[in-house]
Amino acid sequence: MRRLGLAVALCLLPVLGHAQDRAQTLADIRAELSALAAEFNALKAELVSTGAATSGAAGGDALTRMDTIEATLARLTARTEEVELKLNRVVSDGTNRIGDIEYRLCEVTEGCDPATLGATPALGGGTGAAVAPVAGAGAAPATGGAELAVAEQQDFDRAKEVLGQGDFPGAAALFATYAQSYPGGPLVPEAHFLRGDALTQMGDTAGAARAYLDAFSAAPEGPLAADALLKLGEGLGALGQVPEACVTLAEVGTRFPGSMAATQATVAMQGFQCQ
């Protein structure tokens, strides 16, 4: 029984550790649980075949304890599958909402043909790396440990420098080029966000709203996600898409309760007379 306990402990340690690692998927955890269950069944069969389960060599009522562990494994596996299903539904619903917003923004953007819009990427997909906390739009970029190519960092810094000089069209173009040149890079969400700020200064409300939508889609749990969603909602309201603006602003409070963005979203909702 001591051998069984050691095997369970050694198998559970990576499962629990990886469960806290956001880079590992639920599918990976479920696969490890399946492997653990297989190892457990093999050990259980060995105890039964050698007679250790009934001779007392395993210590106490071994079979009863093994049945309890087996039931626990089954519950863990079922719970993992349940969480995975819920996550898939959230991703699907969020992706559909973003696709609908993209379509409506295209309708009010001059020169944009909704028929040319491609499939909306899955919510949060293709980021490639986590985004480290950023103090604000004017803060120095941080990569949270992700290594950047020298040219990548220089291009981003150059775009920010142009923005700081007040050349908003130039900055918007540079940030757009940056996002296209380094897809999935850790600074791409901030590049989209700052492009939205530049377009806002130019009076291009529709373009800014699309940029904020891109920033949120690139990192829906990132440090700029709340502000991006807030500015997207405000932009939709300014474009006359009040119902969509109200839904988007309400989502800020739901996703980021207690944040400054959530407070500002509440004020904006009052201004748009959201019900």
C-alpha atoms as a PDB file:
ATOM      1  CA  MET A   1       0.000   0.000   0.000  1.00  0.00           C
ATOM      2  CA  ARG A   2       2.982   2.280   0.651  1.00  0.00           C
ATOM      3  CA  ARG A   3       4.063   1.756  -2.952  1.00  0.00           C
ATOM      4  CA  LEU A   4       0.549   2.671  -4.128  1.00  0.00           C
ATOM      5  CA  GLY A   5       0.531   5.834  -2.054  1.00  0.00           C
ATOM      6  CA  LEU A   6       3.924   6.857  -3.410  1.00  0.00           C
ATOM      7  CA  ALA A   7       2.786   6.295  -6.980  1.00  0.00           C
ATOM      8  CA  VAL A   8      -0.354   8.375  -6.429  1.00  0.00           C
ATOM      9  CA  ALA A   9       1.662  11.189  -4.841  1.00  0.00           C
ATOM     10  CA  LEU A  10       4.253  11.239  -7.608  1.00  0.00           C
ATOM     11  CA  CYS A  11       1.560  11.298 -10.287  1.00  0.00           C
ATOM     12  CA  LEU A  12      -0.561  13.952  -8.592  1.00  0.00           C
ATOM     13  CA  LEU A  13       2.297  16.396  -8.054  1.00  0.00           C
ATOM     14  CA  PRO A  14       2.744  17.208 -11.753  1.00  0.00           C
ATOM     15  CA  VAL A  15      -1.032  17.294 -12.239  1.00  0.00           C
ATOM     16  CA  LEU A  16      -1.546  19.834  -9.469  1.00  0.00           C
ATOM     17  CA  GLY A  17       1.496  21.852 -10.439  1.00  0.00           C
ATOM     18  CA  HIS A  18       0.520  21.987 -14.096  1.00  0.00           C
ATOM     19  CA  ALA A  19      -3.066  22.856 -13.209  1.00  0.00           C
ATOM     20  CA  GLN A  20      -1.684  26.126 -11.855  1.00  0.00           C
ATOM     21  CA  ASP A  21       0.391  26.648 -14.991  1.00  0.00           C
ATOM     22  CA  ARG A  22      -1.784  28.510 -17.484  1.00  0.00           C
ATOM     23  CA  ALA A  23       0.327  27.186 -20.338  1.00  0.00           C
ATOM     24  CA  GLN A  24      -1.022  23.668 -19.825  1.00  0.00           C
ATOM     25  CA  THR A  25      -4.404  22.816 -21.243  1.00  0.00           C
ATOM     26  CA  LEU A  26      -7.244  20.995 -19.553  1.00  0.00           C
ATOM     27  CA  ALA A  27      -6.772  18.241 -22.100  1.00  0.00           C
ATOM     28  CA  ASP A  28      -3.230  17.688 -20.812  1.00  0.00           C
ATOM     29  CA  ILE A  29      -4.492  17.433 -17.234  1.00  0.00           C
ATOM     30  CA  ARG A  30      -7.197  14.995 -18.254  1.00  0.00           C
ATOM     31  CA  ALA A  31      -4.591  12.860 -20.046  1.00  0.00           C
ATOM     32  CA  GLU A  32      -2.461  12.754 -16.902  1.00  0.00           C
ATOM     33  CA  LEU A  33      -5.470  11.753 -14.828  1.00  0.00           C
ATOM     34  CA  SER A  34      -6.137   8.923 -17.266  1.00  0.00           C
ATOM     35  CA  ALA A  35      -2.524   7.779 -16.981  1.00  0.00           C
ATOM     36  CA  LEU A  36      -2.774   7.918 -13.204  1.00  0.00           C
ATOM     37  CA  ALA A  37      -5.967   5.861 -13.273  1.00  0.00           C
ATOM     38  CA  ALA A  38      -4.263   3.246 -15.439  1.00  0.00           C
ATOM     39  CA  GLU A  39      -1.298   3.048 -13.046  1.00  0.00           C
ATOM     40  CA  PHE A  40      -3.656   2.784 -10.110  1.00  0.00           C
ATOM     41  CA  ASN A  41      -5.611  -0.080 -11.694  1.00  0.00           C
ATOM     42  CA  ALA A  42      -2.364  -1.915 -12.423  1.00  0.00           C
ATOM     43  CA  LEU A  43      -1.224  -1.590  -8.813  1.00  0.00           C
ATOM     44  CA  LYS A  44      -4.623  -2.651  -7.550  1.00  0.00           C
ATOM     45  CA  ALA A  45      -4.550  -5.741  -9.746  1.00  0.00           C
ATOM     46  CA  GLU A  46      -1.049  -6.546  -8.472  1.00  0.00           C
ATOM     47  CA  LEU A  47      -2.164  -6.344  -4.833  1.00  0.00           C
ATOM     48  CA  VAL A  48      -5.128  -8.579  -5.508  1.00  0.00           C
ATOM     49  CA  SER A  49      -3.099 -11.146  -7.458  1.00  0.00           C
ATOM     50  CA  THR A  50      -0.373 -11.359  -4.797  1.00  0.00           C
ATOM     51  CA  GLY A  51      -2.877 -11.571  -1.942  1.00  0.00           C
ATOM     52  CA  ALA A  52      -1.443  -8.499  -0.202  1.00  0.00           C
ATOM     53  CA  ALA A  53      -4.836  -6.819  -0.188  1.00  0.00           C
ATOM     54  CA  THR A  54      -6.335  -9.463   2.077  1.00  0.00           C
ATOM     55  CA  SER A  55      -3.291 -10.752   4.021  1.00  0.00           C
ATOM     56  CA  GLY A  56      -2.807  -7.530   5.948  1.00  0.00           C
ATOM     57  CA  ALA A  57       0.619  -6.882   4.388  1.00  0.00           C
ATOM     58  CA  ALA A  58      -0.759  -3.754   2.791  1.00  0.00           C
ATOM     59  CA  GLY A  59      -2.021  -2.483   6.098  1.00  0.00           C
ATOM     60  CA  GLY A  60      -5.719  -2.508   7.062  1.00  0.00           C
ATOM     61  CA  ASP A  61      -8.569  -2.735   4.626  1.00  0.00           C
ATOM     62  CA  ALA A  62      -6.523  -1.989   1.491  1.00  0.00           C
ATOM     63  CA  LEU A  63      -9.277  -2.719  -1.009  1.00  0.00           C
ATOM     64  CA  THR A  64     -11.637  -0.260   0.673  1.00  0.00           C
ATOM     65  CA  ARG A  65      -9.020   2.475   0.571  1.00  0.00           C
ATOM     66  CA  MET A  66      -8.201   1.713  -3.044  1.00  0.00           C
ATOM     67  CA  ASP A  67     -11.875   1.936  -3.966  1.00  0.00           C
ATOM     68  CA  THR A  68     -12.014   5.359  -2.304  1.00  0.00           C
ATOM     69  CA  ILE A  69      -8.991   6.573  -4.278  1.00  0.00           C
ATOM     70  CA  GLU A  70     -10.486   5.180  -7.473  1.00  0.00           C
ATOM     71  CA  ALA A  71     -13.749   7.059  -6.867  1.00  0.00           C
ATOM     72  CA  THR A  72     -11.793  10.254  -6.219  1.00  0.00           C
ATOM     73  CA  LEU A  73      -9.931   9.866  -9.508  1.00  0.00           C
ATOM     74  CA  ALA A  74     -13.223   9.398 -11.323  1.00  0.00           C
ATOM     75  CA  ARG A  75     -14.614  12.585  -9.754  1.00  0.00           C
ATOM     76  CA  LEU A  76     -11.486  14.551 -10.700  1.00  0.00           C
ATOM     77  CA  THR A  77     -11.708  13.358 -14.284  1.00  0.00           C
ATOM     78  CA  ALA A  78     -15.414  14.211 -14.504  1.00  0.00           C
ATOM     79  CA  ARG A  79     -14.802  17.654 -13.008  1.00  0.00           C
ATOM     80  CA  THR A  80     -11.990  18.331 -15.481  1.00  0.00           C
ATOM     81  CA  GLU A  81     -14.253  17.449 -18.389  1.00  0.00           C
ATOM     82  CA  GLU A  82     -17.002  19.685 -16.981  1.00  0.00           C
ATOM     83  CA  VAL A  83     -14.643  22.662 -16.682  1.00  0.00           C
ATOM     84  CA  GLU A  84     -13.357  22.043 -20.206  1.00  0.00           C
ATOM     85  CA  LEU A  85     -16.894  22.061 -21.600  1.00  0.00           C
ATOM     86  CA  LYS A  86     -17.712  25.296 -19.784  1.00  0.00           C
ATOM     87  CA  LEU A  87     -14.503  26.905 -21.037  1.00  0.00           C
ATOM     88  CA  ASN A  88     -15.301  25.893 -24.606  1.00  0.00           C
ATOM     89  CA  ARG A  89     -18.768  27.432 -24.305  1.00  0.00           C
ATOM     90  CA  VAL A  90     -17.297  30.688 -22.965  1.00  0.00           C
ATOM     91  CA  VAL A  91     -14.764  30.844 -25.806  1.00  0.00           C
ATOM     92  CA  SER A  92     -17.449  30.098 -28.392  1.00  0.00           C
ATOM     93  CA  ASP A  93     -19.855  32.708 -26.999  1.00  0.00           C
ATOM     94  CA  GLY A  94     -17.122  35.337 -26.680  1.00  0.00           C
ATOM     95  CA  THR A  95     -15.882  34.693 -30.209  1.00  0.00           C
ATOM     96  CA  ASN A  96     -19.410  35.033 -31.592  1.00  0.00           C
ATOM     97  CA  ARG A  97     -19.905  38.330 -29.748  1.00  0.00           C
ATOM     98  CA  ILE A  98     -16.621  39.710 -31.055  1.00  0.00           C
ATOM     99  CA  GLY A  99     -17.560  38.635 -34.583  1.00  0.00           C
ATOM    100  CA  ASP A 100     -20.876  40.464 -34.264  1.00  0.00           C
ATOM    101  CA  ILE A 101     -19.138  43.632 -33.047  1.00  0.00           C
ATOM    102  CA  GLU A 102     -16.617  43.433 -35.898  1.00  0.00           C
ATOM    103  CA  TYR A 103     -19.484  43.187 -38.387  1.00  0.00           C
ATOM    104  CA  ARG A 104     -21.293  46.195 -36.902  1.00  0.00           C
ATOM    105  CA  LEU A 105     -18.105  48.254 -36.805  1.00  0.00           C
ATOM    106  CA  CYS A 106     -17.457  47.404 -40.435  1.00  0.00           C
ATOM    107  CA  GLU A 107     -20.962  48.627 -41.337  1.00  0.00           C
ATOM    108  CA  VAL A 108     -20.187  52.096 -39.975  1.00  0.00           C
ATOM    109  CA  THR A 109     -16.617  52.245 -41.308  1.00  0.00           C
ATOM    110  CA  GLU A 110     -16.180  53.941 -44.654  1.00  0.00           C
ATOM    111  CA  GLY A 111     -14.754  51.612 -47.293  1.00  0.00           C
ATOM    112  CA  CYS A 112     -15.314  48.443 -45.251  1.00  0.00           C
ATOM    113  CA  ASP A 113     -17.341  45.672 -46.864  1.00  0.00           C
ATOM    114  CA  PRO A 114     -18.814  43.194 -44.331  1.00  0.00           C
ATOM    115  CA  ALA A 115     -18.750  40.531 -47.038  1.00  0.00           C
ATOM    116  CA  THR A 116     -14.959  40.612 -47.006  1.00  0.00           C
ATOM    117  CA  LEU A 117     -14.679  39.904 -43.272  1.00  0.00           C
ATOM    118  CA  GLY A 118     -13.056  36.574 -42.601  1.00  0.00           C
ATOM    119  CA  ALA A 119     -13.731  34.153 -39.766  1.00  0.00           C
ATOM    120  CA  THR A 120     -13.237  35.646 -36.313  1.00  0.00           C
ATOM    121  CA  PRO A 121     -10.233  34.075 -34.523  1.00  0.00           C
ATOM    122  CA  ALA A 122     -11.084  32.183 -31.343  1.00  0.00           C
ATOM    123  CA  LEU A 123     -11.159  34.423 -28.265  1.00  0.00           C
ATOM    124  CA  GLY A 124      -7.696  34.614 -26.741  1.00  0.00           C
ATOM    125  CA  GLY A 125      -6.158  32.422 -29.446  1.00  0.00           C
ATOM    126  CA  GLY A 126      -2.803  33.024 -31.087  1.00  0.00           C
ATOM    127  CA  THR A 127      -1.302  35.222 -28.403  1.00  0.00           C
ATOM    128  CA  GLY A 128       1.659  32.906 -28.044  1.00  0.00           C
ATOM    129  CA  ALA A 129       2.835  34.432 -24.761  1.00  0.00           C
ATOM    130  CA  ALA A 130       1.488  36.021 -21.648  1.00  0.00           C
ATOM    131  CA  VAL A 131       1.480  39.788 -21.401  1.00  0.00           C
ATOM    132  CA  ALA A 132       3.103  41.258 -18.345  1.00  0.00           C
ATOM    133  CA  PRO A 133       1.349  43.979 -16.346  1.00  0.00           C
ATOM    134  CA  VAL A 134       1.694  47.421 -17.842  1.00  0.00           C
ATOM    135  CA  ALA A 135       1.311  50.481 -15.653  1.00  0.00           C
ATOM    136  CA  GLY A 136      -0.498  52.391 -18.369  1.00  0.00           C
ATOM    137  CA  ALA A 137      -0.461  53.421 -21.971  1.00  0.00           C
ATOM    138  CA  GLY A 138       2.533  55.651 -21.364  1.00  0.00           C
ATOM    139  CA  ALA A 139       4.506  53.132 -19.302  1.00  0.00           C
ATOM    140  CA  ALA A 140       7.608  51.417 -20.593  1.00  0.00           C
ATOM    141  CA  PRO A 141       6.697  48.110 -22.210  1.00  0.00           C
ATOM    142  CA  ALA A 142       7.256  44.981 -20.173  1.00  0.00           C
ATOM    143  CA  THR A 143       7.468  41.467 -21.503  1.00  0.00           C
ATOM    144  CA  GLY A 144       7.005  39.469 -18.318  1.00  0.00           C
ATOM    145  CA  GLY A 145      10.105  37.436 -19.079  1.00  0.00           C
ATOM    146  CA  ALA A 146       9.303  36.848 -22.734  1.00  0.00           C
ATOM    147  CA  GLU A 147      12.331  37.525 -24.880  1.00  0.00           C
ATOM    148  CA  LEU A 148      11.936  40.036 -27.703  1.00  0.00           C
ATOM    149  CA  ALA A 149      14.045  40.282 -30.806  1.00  0.00           C
ATOM    150  CA  VAL A 150      16.074  43.487 -30.932  1.00  0.00           C
ATOM    151  CA  ALA A 151      14.212  44.682 -34.022  1.00  0.00           C
ATOM    152  CA  GLU A 152      10.851  43.896 -32.408  1.00  0.00           C
ATOM    153  CA  GLN A 153      11.608  46.033 -29.361  1.00  0.00           C
ATOM    154  CA  GLN A 154      13.041  48.823 -31.493  1.00  0.00           C
ATOM    155  CA  ASP A 155       9.994  48.896 -33.772  1.00  0.00           C
ATOM    156  CA  PHE A 156       7.661  49.100 -30.784  1.00  0.00           C
ATOM    157  CA  ASP A 157       9.712  51.857 -29.131  1.00  0.00           C
ATOM    158  CA  ARG A 158       9.815  53.784 -32.406  1.00  0.00           C
ATOM    159  CA  ALA A 159       6.025  53.649 -32.726  1.00  0.00           C
ATOM    160  CA  LYS A 160       5.613  54.889 -29.149  1.00  0.00           C
ATOM    161  CA  GLU A 161       8.083  57.679 -29.794  1.00  0.00           C
ATOM    162  CA  VAL A 162       6.114  58.835 -32.829  1.00  0.00           C
ATOM    163  CA  LEU A 163       2.918  58.719 -30.768  1.00  0.00           C
ATOM    164  CA  GLY A 164       4.552  60.819 -28.063  1.00  0.00           C
ATOM    165  CA  GLN A 165       5.562  63.385 -30.671  1.00  0.00           C
ATOM    166  CA  GLY A 166       1.916  63.860 -31.611  1.00  0.00           C
ATOM    167  CA  ASP A 167       2.174  62.310 -35.058  1.00  0.00           C
ATOM    168  CA  PHE A 168      -1.001  60.287 -34.662  1.00  0.00           C
ATOM    169  CA  PRO A 169      -1.381  59.084 -38.277  1.00  0.00           C
ATOM    170  CA  GLY A 170       2.250  57.992 -38.316  1.00  0.00           C
ATOM    171  CA  ALA A 171       1.931  56.226 -34.964  1.00  0.00           C
ATOM    172  CA  ALA A 172      -1.266  54.435 -36.003  1.00  0.00           C
ATOM    173  CA  ALA A 173       0.431  53.184 -39.150  1.00  0.00           C
ATOM    174  CA  LEU A 174       3.536  52.031 -37.251  1.00  0.00           C
ATOM    175  CA  PHE A 175       1.523  50.167 -34.620  1.00  0.00           C
ATOM    176  CA  ALA A 176      -0.546  48.486 -37.335  1.00  0.00           C
ATOM    177  CA  THR A 177       2.634  47.403 -39.125  1.00  0.00           C
ATOM    178  CA  TYR A 178       4.094  46.178 -35.850  1.00  0.00           C
ATOM    179  CA  ALA A 179       1.081  43.963 -35.092  1.00  0.00           C
ATOM    180  CA  GLN A 180       1.247  42.484 -38.595  1.00  0.00           C
ATOM    181  CA  SER A 181       5.006  41.938 -38.419  1.00  0.00           C
ATOM    182  CA  TYR A 182       5.068  40.221 -35.023  1.00  0.00           C
ATOM    183  CA  PRO A 183       1.779  38.284 -34.718  1.00  0.00           C
ATOM    184  CA  GLY A 184       1.388  36.676 -31.328  1.00  0.00           C
ATOM    185  CA  GLY A 185       4.130  38.804 -29.794  1.00  0.00           C
ATOM    186  CA  PRO A 186       3.790  39.808 -26.125  1.00  0.00           C
ATOM    187  CA  LEU A 187       3.509  43.498 -26.994  1.00  0.00           C
ATOM    188  CA  VAL A 188       0.902  43.115 -29.733  1.00  0.00           C
ATOM    189  CA  PRO A 189      -2.084  43.759 -27.393  1.00  0.00           C
ATOM    190  CA  GLU A 190      -0.496  47.029 -26.266  1.00  0.00           C
ATOM    191  CA  ALA A 191       0.292  47.921 -29.879  1.00  0.00           C
ATOM    192  CA  HIS A 192      -3.398  47.531 -30.776  1.00  0.00           C
ATOM    193  CA  PHE A 193      -4.386  49.558 -27.720  1.00  0.00           C
ATOM    194  CA  LEU A 194      -2.028  52.425 -28.503  1.00  0.00           C
ATOM    195  CA  ARG A 195      -3.137  52.351 -32.132  1.00  0.00           C
ATOM    196  CA  GLY A 196      -6.654  52.875 -30.818  1.00  0.00           C
ATOM    197  CA  ASP A 197      -5.454  55.878 -28.812  1.00  0.00           C
ATOM    198  CA  ALA A 198      -3.802  57.340 -31.901  1.00  0.00           C
ATOM    199  CA  LEU A 199      -6.913  56.842 -34.026  1.00  0.00           C
ATOM    200  CA  THR A 200      -9.022  58.418 -31.287  1.00  0.00           C
ATOM    201  CA  GLN A 201      -6.848  61.530 -31.431  1.00  0.00           C
ATOM    202  CA  MET A 202      -7.402  61.574 -35.200  1.00  0.00           C
ATOM    203  CA  GLY A 203     -11.177  61.485 -34.737  1.00  0.00           C
ATOM    204  CA  ASP A 204     -11.438  58.030 -36.346  1.00  0.00           C
ATOM    205  CA  THR A 205     -13.875  56.585 -33.814  1.00  0.00           C
ATOM    206  CA  ALA A 206     -14.744  53.478 -35.840  1.00  0.00           C
ATOM    207  CA  GLY A 207     -11.092  52.662 -36.489  1.00  0.00           C
ATOM    208  CA  ALA A 208     -10.253  53.203 -32.825  1.00  0.00           C
ATOM    209  CA  ALA A 209     -13.068  50.902 -31.732  1.00  0.00           C
ATOM    210  CA  ARG A 210     -11.742  48.161 -34.006  1.00  0.00           C
ATOM    211  CA  ALA A 211      -8.240  48.650 -32.563  1.00  0.00           C
ATOM    212  CA  TYR A 212      -9.519  48.348 -28.997  1.00  0.00           C
ATOM    213  CA  LEU A 213     -11.443  45.241 -30.023  1.00  0.00           C
ATOM    214  CA  ASP A 214      -8.218  43.788 -31.435  1.00  0.00           C
ATOM    215  CA  ALA A 215      -6.406  44.619 -28.197  1.00  0.00           C
ATOM    216  CA  PHE A 216      -9.028  42.848 -26.112  1.00  0.00           C
ATOM    217  CA  SER A 217      -9.227  39.842 -28.439  1.00  0.00           C
ATOM    218  CA  ALA A 218      -5.446  39.402 -28.366  1.00  0.00           C
ATOM    219  CA  ALA A 219      -5.350  39.169 -24.560  1.00  0.00           C
ATOM    220  CA  PRO A 220      -8.825  39.011 -22.952  1.00  0.00           C
ATOM    221  CA  GLU A 221      -7.249  38.473 -19.526  1.00  0.00           C
ATOM    222  CA  GLY A 222      -4.285  40.798 -20.036  1.00  0.00           C
ATOM    223  CA  PRO A 223      -3.494  44.004 -18.126  1.00  0.00           C
ATOM    224  CA  LEU A 224      -5.050  46.214 -20.812  1.00  0.00           C
ATOM    225  CA  ALA A 225      -8.140  44.079 -21.378  1.00  0.00           C
ATOM    226  CA  ALA A 226     -10.431  46.033 -19.039  1.00  0.00           C
ATOM    227  CA  ASP A 227      -9.483  49.419 -20.492  1.00  0.00           C
ATOM    228  CA  ALA A 228      -9.704  48.078 -24.052  1.00  0.00           C
ATOM    229  CA  LEU A 229     -13.206  46.753 -23.417  1.00  0.00           C
ATOM    230  CA  LEU A 230     -14.200  50.044 -21.775  1.00  0.00           C
ATOM    231  CA  LYS A 231     -12.972  52.122 -24.713  1.00  0.00           C
ATOM    232  CA  LEU A 232     -14.608  49.721 -27.162  1.00  0.00           C
ATOM    233  CA  GLY A 233     -17.943  50.229 -25.405  1.00  0.00           C
ATOM    234  CA  GLU A 234     -17.529  54.000 -25.365  1.00  0.00           C
ATOM    235  CA  GLY A 235     -16.643  53.949 -29.063  1.00  0.00           C
ATOM    236  CA  LEU A 236     -19.696  51.882 -29.947  1.00  0.00           C
ATOM    237  CA  GLY A 237     -21.877  54.365 -28.093  1.00  0.00           C
ATOM    238  CA  ALA A 238     -20.270  57.295 -29.915  1.00  0.00           C
ATOM    239  CA  LEU A 239     -21.007  55.525 -33.214  1.00  0.00           C
ATOM    240  CA  GLY A 240     -24.691  55.234 -32.301  1.00  0.00           C
ATOM    241  CA  GLN A 241     -24.505  51.517 -31.537  1.00  0.00           C
ATOM    242  CA  VAL A 242     -26.000  52.107 -28.081  1.00  0.00           C
ATOM    243  CA  PRO A 243     -27.443  48.615 -27.404  1.00  0.00           C
ATOM    244  CA  GLU A 244     -24.098  47.031 -28.270  1.00  0.00           C
ATOM    245  CA  ALA A 245     -22.303  49.673 -26.217  1.00  0.00           C
ATOM    246  CA  CYS A 246     -24.436  48.885 -23.177  1.00  0.00           C
ATOM    247  CA  VAL A 247     -23.753  45.148 -23.470  1.00  0.00           C
ATOM    248  CA  THR A 248     -20.019  45.750 -23.875  1.00  0.00           C
ATOM    249  CA  LEU A 249     -19.806  48.189 -20.959  1.00  0.00           C
ATOM    250  CA  ALA A 250     -21.757  45.819 -18.718  1.00  0.00           C
ATOM    251  CA  GLU A 251     -19.247  43.124 -19.600  1.00  0.00           C
ATOM    252  CA  VAL A 252     -16.460  45.279 -18.131  1.00  0.00           C
ATOM    253  CA  GLY A 253     -18.025  45.092 -14.688  1.00  0.00           C
ATOM    254  CA  THR A 254     -18.719  41.383 -15.066  1.00  0.00           C
ATOM    255  CA  ARG A 255     -15.211  40.464 -16.160  1.00  0.00           C
ATOM    256  CA  PHE A 256     -13.241  42.970 -14.092  1.00  0.00           C
ATOM    257  CA  PRO A 257     -15.267  43.748 -10.950  1.00  0.00           C
ATOM    258  CA  GLY A 258     -13.820  46.391  -8.663  1.00  0.00           C
ATOM    259  CA  SER A 259     -11.478  47.805 -11.306  1.00  0.00           C
ATOM    260  CA  MET A 260     -11.269  51.468 -12.252  1.00  0.00           C
ATOM    261  CA  ALA A 261     -12.442  50.514 -15.734  1.00  0.00           C
ATOM    262  CA  ALA A 262     -15.554  48.912 -14.243  1.00  0.00           C
ATOM    263  CA  THR A 263     -16.348  52.138 -12.369  1.00  0.00           C
ATOM    264  CA  GLN A 264     -15.873  54.191 -15.528  1.00  0.00           C
ATOM    265  CA  ALA A 265     -18.031  51.737 -17.473  1.00  0.00           C
ATOM    266  CA  THR A 266     -20.852  52.260 -14.978  1.00  0.00           C
ATOM    267  CA  VAL A 267     -20.648  56.023 -15.482  1.00  0.00           C
ATOM    268  CA  ALA A 268     -20.621  55.575 -19.263  1.00  0.00           C
ATOM    269  CA  MET A 269     -23.678  53.317 -19.076  1.00  0.00           C
ATOM    270  CA  GLN A 270     -25.537  56.025 -17.202  1.00  0.00           C
ATOM    271  CA  GLY A 271     -24.578  58.490 -19.911  1.00  0.00           C
ATOM    272  CA  PHE A 272     -25.950  56.172 -22.607  1.00  0.00           C
ATOM    273  CA  GLN A 273     -29.047  55.535 -20.439  1.00  0.00           C
ATOM    274  CA  CYS A 274     -28.474  51.788 -20.498  1.00  0.00           C
ATOM    275  CA  GLN A 275     -31.269  49.819 -18.924  1.00  0.00           C
END
